[in-house]
Amino acid sequence: MNANATLTVRLAGEGESRSLSAVLAPDNEGLPEGMRLSMTAEGRSIEFGVVSNSPSASLSTVLALLRDIALFQEVWLLSSQTGGRDQRS
């Protein structure tokens, strides 16, 4: 049985999209046998595709991506602040 999952993430801008793609790209190598992971960035959106011979492997991969994206978001927000104040204000 094959299990396919697609996750689309829309970021605040193209800069964030490029940065997230660059951060996650090295993690997309060395996957287990029977698994394929694709990542396509277009504008401010990134689409991840997971194909695996196991539904649980597809789901755990999507959950790992969501954790990595949440961590990226925290770091991005912290790095955009100066002296405890958000630069966007």
N, C-alpha and C. Protein backbone atom coordinates (compact mmCIF):
# COMPACT_ATOMS: atom_id res chain seq x y z
N MET A 1 0.85 -1.17 0.00
CA MET A 1 0.00 0.00 0.00
C MET A 1 0.90 1.23 0.00
N ASN A 2 0.58 2.21 -0.83
CA ASN A 2 1.27 3.49 -0.83
C ASN A 2 0.39 4.53 -0.15
N ALA A 3 1.03 5.44 0.56
CA ALA A 3 0.32 6.54 1.21
C ALA A 3 0.93 7.84 0.72
N ASN A 4 0.08 8.73 0.22
CA ASN A 4 0.53 10.03 -0.27
C ASN A 4 -0.01 11.12 0.65
N ALA A 5 0.82 12.12 0.90
CA ALA A 5 0.39 13.27 1.69
C ALA A 5 0.96 14.53 1.04
N THR A 6 0.17 15.59 1.06
CA THR A 6 0.61 16.88 0.53
C THR A 6 0.36 17.93 1.60
N LEU A 7 1.37 18.76 1.81
CA LEU A 7 1.29 19.85 2.78
C LEU A 7 1.69 21.13 2.06
N THR A 8 0.81 22.12 2.08
CA THR A 8 1.11 23.41 1.48
C THR A 8 1.19 24.45 2.58
N VAL A 9 2.30 25.21 2.57
CA VAL A 9 2.54 26.24 3.57
C VAL A 9 2.64 27.58 2.85
N ARG A 10 1.90 28.56 3.31
CA ARG A 10 1.98 29.91 2.75
C ARG A 10 2.66 30.80 3.78
N LEU A 11 3.77 31.42 3.37
CA LEU A 11 4.55 32.25 4.26
C LEU A 11 4.23 33.72 4.04
N ALA A 12 4.77 34.57 4.91
CA ALA A 12 4.48 36.00 4.84
C ALA A 12 5.01 36.64 3.56
N GLY A 13 6.11 36.12 3.04
CA GLY A 13 6.68 36.69 1.83
C GLY A 13 7.63 35.73 1.15
N GLU A 14 8.14 36.13 -0.01
CA GLU A 14 9.04 35.27 -0.77
C GLU A 14 10.37 35.07 -0.06
N GLY A 15 10.83 36.08 0.69
CA GLY A 15 12.08 35.95 1.45
C GLY A 15 11.98 34.83 2.47
N GLU A 16 10.88 34.79 3.19
CA GLU A 16 10.67 33.73 4.17
C GLU A 16 10.58 32.37 3.49
N SER A 17 9.92 32.34 2.34
CA SER A 17 9.78 31.09 1.59
C SER A 17 11.15 30.56 1.14
N ARG A 18 11.98 31.46 0.61
CA ARG A 18 13.33 31.04 0.19
C ARG A 18 14.15 30.56 1.38
N SER A 19 14.05 31.27 2.50
CA SER A 19 14.80 30.89 3.69
C SER A 19 14.36 29.53 4.23
N LEU A 20 13.05 29.32 4.31
CA LEU A 20 12.56 28.03 4.80
C LEU A 20 12.97 26.91 3.86
N SER A 21 12.89 27.13 2.57
CA SER A 21 13.32 26.12 1.60
C SER A 21 14.79 25.77 1.80
N ALA A 22 15.62 26.79 2.00
CA ALA A 22 17.05 26.55 2.19
C ALA A 22 17.33 25.80 3.48
N VAL A 23 16.57 26.11 4.53
CA VAL A 23 16.76 25.44 5.81
C VAL A 23 16.35 23.97 5.73
N LEU A 24 15.24 23.68 5.05
CA LEU A 24 14.72 22.32 5.02
C LEU A 24 15.34 21.44 3.95
N ALA A 25 15.95 22.02 2.93
CA ALA A 25 16.49 21.22 1.82
C ALA A 25 17.47 20.14 2.26
N PRO A 26 18.43 20.42 3.16
CA PRO A 26 19.35 19.36 3.56
C PRO A 26 18.67 18.17 4.24
N ASP A 27 17.53 18.41 4.90
CA ASP A 27 16.80 17.32 5.57
C ASP A 27 16.10 16.39 4.60
N ASN A 28 16.00 16.81 3.35
CA ASN A 28 15.27 16.00 2.37
C ASN A 28 16.15 14.94 1.71
N GLU A 29 17.31 14.71 2.24
CA GLU A 29 18.22 13.72 1.68
C GLU A 29 18.33 12.53 2.64
N GLY A 30 18.68 11.38 2.08
CA GLY A 30 18.87 10.18 2.90
C GLY A 30 17.59 9.63 3.48
N LEU A 31 16.53 9.61 2.70
CA LEU A 31 15.24 9.10 3.18
C LEU A 31 15.25 7.58 3.24
N PRO A 32 14.39 7.01 4.06
CA PRO A 32 14.27 5.55 4.12
C PRO A 32 13.84 4.97 2.78
N GLU A 33 14.18 3.74 2.55
CA GLU A 33 13.77 3.06 1.32
C GLU A 33 12.24 3.03 1.24
N GLY A 34 11.73 3.29 0.05
CA GLY A 34 10.28 3.28 -0.15
C GLY A 34 9.61 4.61 0.12
N MET A 35 10.41 5.66 0.41
CA MET A 35 9.83 6.97 0.68
C MET A 35 10.39 7.99 -0.31
N ARG A 36 9.51 8.87 -0.78
CA ARG A 36 9.91 10.00 -1.62
C ARG A 36 9.36 11.27 -1.01
N LEU A 37 10.17 12.30 -1.00
CA LEU A 37 9.77 13.60 -0.47
C LEU A 37 10.13 14.66 -1.49
N SER A 38 9.15 15.47 -1.85
CA SER A 38 9.41 16.55 -2.80
C SER A 38 9.05 17.87 -2.13
N MET A 39 9.73 18.93 -2.58
CA MET A 39 9.47 20.26 -2.06
C MET A 39 9.52 21.22 -3.25
N THR A 40 8.43 21.97 -3.45
CA THR A 40 8.34 22.92 -4.54
C THR A 40 7.96 24.27 -3.97
N ALA A 41 8.79 25.27 -4.22
CA ALA A 41 8.50 26.63 -3.75
C ALA A 41 8.08 27.48 -4.94
N GLU A 42 7.01 28.22 -4.73
CA GLU A 42 6.52 29.16 -5.76
C GLU A 42 5.98 30.39 -5.05
N GLY A 43 6.64 31.52 -5.26
CA GLY A 43 6.21 32.73 -4.57
C GLY A 43 6.36 32.56 -3.07
N ARG A 44 5.28 32.82 -2.35
CA ARG A 44 5.34 32.67 -0.90
C ARG A 44 4.85 31.32 -0.41
N SER A 45 4.58 30.41 -1.31
CA SER A 45 4.08 29.08 -0.93
C SER A 45 5.13 28.00 -1.16
N ILE A 46 5.11 27.02 -0.28
CA ILE A 46 5.94 25.82 -0.44
C ILE A 46 5.01 24.62 -0.33
N GLU A 47 5.13 23.71 -1.28
CA GLU A 47 4.34 22.49 -1.24
C GLU A 47 5.27 21.31 -1.02
N PHE A 48 4.94 20.49 -0.03
CA PHE A 48 5.68 19.28 0.28
C PHE A 48 4.83 18.08 -0.14
N GLY A 49 5.44 17.14 -0.81
CA GLY A 49 4.76 15.91 -1.18
C GLY A 49 5.49 14.73 -0.56
N VAL A 50 4.76 13.84 0.06
CA VAL A 50 5.34 12.65 0.69
C VAL A 50 4.66 11.43 0.10
N VAL A 51 5.47 10.49 -0.37
CA VAL A 51 4.96 9.21 -0.84
C VAL A 51 5.74 8.14 -0.09
N SER A 52 5.02 7.23 0.51
CA SER A 52 5.66 6.17 1.28
C SER A 52 4.87 4.88 1.13
N ASN A 53 5.53 3.79 1.42
CA ASN A 53 4.83 2.51 1.39
C ASN A 53 4.16 2.22 2.73
N SER A 54 4.16 3.22 3.62
CA SER A 54 3.55 3.05 4.93
C SER A 54 2.79 4.32 5.31
N PRO A 55 1.49 4.22 5.62
CA PRO A 55 0.74 5.41 6.04
C PRO A 55 1.35 6.08 7.27
N SER A 56 1.83 5.31 8.22
CA SER A 56 2.40 5.91 9.43
C SER A 56 3.69 6.67 9.11
N ALA A 57 4.47 6.20 8.16
CA ALA A 57 5.69 6.91 7.77
C ALA A 57 5.35 8.23 7.09
N SER A 58 4.32 8.24 6.25
CA SER A 58 3.90 9.49 5.60
C SER A 58 3.42 10.50 6.64
N LEU A 59 2.61 10.04 7.58
CA LEU A 59 2.08 10.92 8.61
C LEU A 59 3.20 11.44 9.52
N SER A 60 4.11 10.58 9.93
CA SER A 60 5.19 11.05 10.81
C SER A 60 6.11 12.03 10.08
N THR A 61 6.27 11.87 8.77
CA THR A 61 7.08 12.81 8.00
C THR A 61 6.41 14.17 7.94
N VAL A 62 5.10 14.20 7.71
CA VAL A 62 4.36 15.47 7.69
C VAL A 62 4.42 16.13 9.06
N LEU A 63 4.28 15.36 10.12
CA LEU A 63 4.36 15.93 11.48
C LEU A 63 5.76 16.49 11.75
N ALA A 64 6.80 15.81 11.29
CA ALA A 64 8.16 16.32 11.45
C ALA A 64 8.35 17.62 10.68
N LEU A 65 7.78 17.70 9.47
CA LEU A 65 7.85 18.94 8.70
C LEU A 65 7.14 20.07 9.44
N LEU A 66 5.99 19.80 10.00
CA LEU A 66 5.26 20.83 10.75
C LEU A 66 6.05 21.31 11.97
N ARG A 67 6.73 20.40 12.67
CA ARG A 67 7.57 20.80 13.80
C ARG A 67 8.72 21.68 13.32
N ASP A 68 9.36 21.29 12.22
CA ASP A 68 10.47 22.08 11.68
C ASP A 68 10.00 23.46 11.24
N ILE A 69 8.82 23.53 10.63
CA ILE A 69 8.27 24.80 10.18
C ILE A 69 7.95 25.69 11.38
N ALA A 70 7.39 25.12 12.43
CA ALA A 70 7.08 25.89 13.64
C ALA A 70 8.36 26.43 14.27
N LEU A 71 9.41 25.62 14.32
CA LEU A 71 10.69 26.08 14.85
C LEU A 71 11.25 27.20 13.99
N PHE A 72 11.20 27.05 12.67
CA PHE A 72 11.65 28.10 11.76
C PHE A 72 10.89 29.39 12.04
N GLN A 73 9.59 29.30 12.23
CA GLN A 73 8.77 30.49 12.49
C GLN A 73 9.22 31.19 13.77
N GLU A 74 9.48 30.42 14.82
CA GLU A 74 9.93 31.03 16.08
C GLU A 74 11.26 31.74 15.90
N VAL A 75 12.20 31.08 15.23
CA VAL A 75 13.52 31.68 15.00
C VAL A 75 13.40 32.92 14.12
N TRP A 76 12.57 32.83 13.08
CA TRP A 76 12.38 33.97 12.17
C TRP A 76 11.82 35.17 12.93
N LEU A 77 10.82 34.93 13.76
CA LEU A 77 10.22 36.02 14.52
C LEU A 77 11.20 36.62 15.52
N LEU A 78 11.95 35.77 16.20
CA LEU A 78 12.95 36.26 17.16
C LEU A 78 14.04 37.06 16.47
N SER A 79 14.45 36.61 15.29
CA SER A 79 15.52 37.32 14.58
C SER A 79 15.05 38.64 14.00
N SER A 80 13.74 38.81 13.87
CA SER A 80 13.21 40.07 13.32
C SER A 80 12.98 41.11 14.42
N GLN A 81 13.23 40.74 15.67
CA GLN A 81 13.03 41.67 16.78
C GLN A 81 14.35 42.32 17.17
N THR A 82 14.27 43.57 17.60
CA THR A 82 15.45 44.29 18.06
C THR A 82 15.15 44.86 19.43
N GLY A 83 15.98 44.50 20.40
CA GLY A 83 15.79 45.05 21.74
C GLY A 83 14.45 44.73 22.34
N GLY A 84 13.91 43.54 22.01
CA GLY A 84 12.63 43.14 22.56
C GLY A 84 11.42 43.72 21.84
N ARG A 85 11.67 44.59 20.84
CA ARG A 85 10.57 45.16 20.07
C ARG A 85 10.57 44.58 18.68
N ASP A 86 9.43 44.30 18.18
CA ASP A 86 9.25 43.76 16.84
C ASP A 86 9.48 44.89 15.84
N GLN A 87 10.37 44.67 14.85
CA GLN A 87 10.68 45.68 13.84
C GLN A 87 9.47 46.01 12.96
N ARG A 88 8.52 45.10 12.87
CA ARG A 88 7.37 45.31 11.99
C ARG A 88 6.38 46.30 12.58
N SER A 89 6.49 46.63 13.88
CA SER A 89 5.54 47.55 14.52
C SER A 89 5.78 48.97 14.09
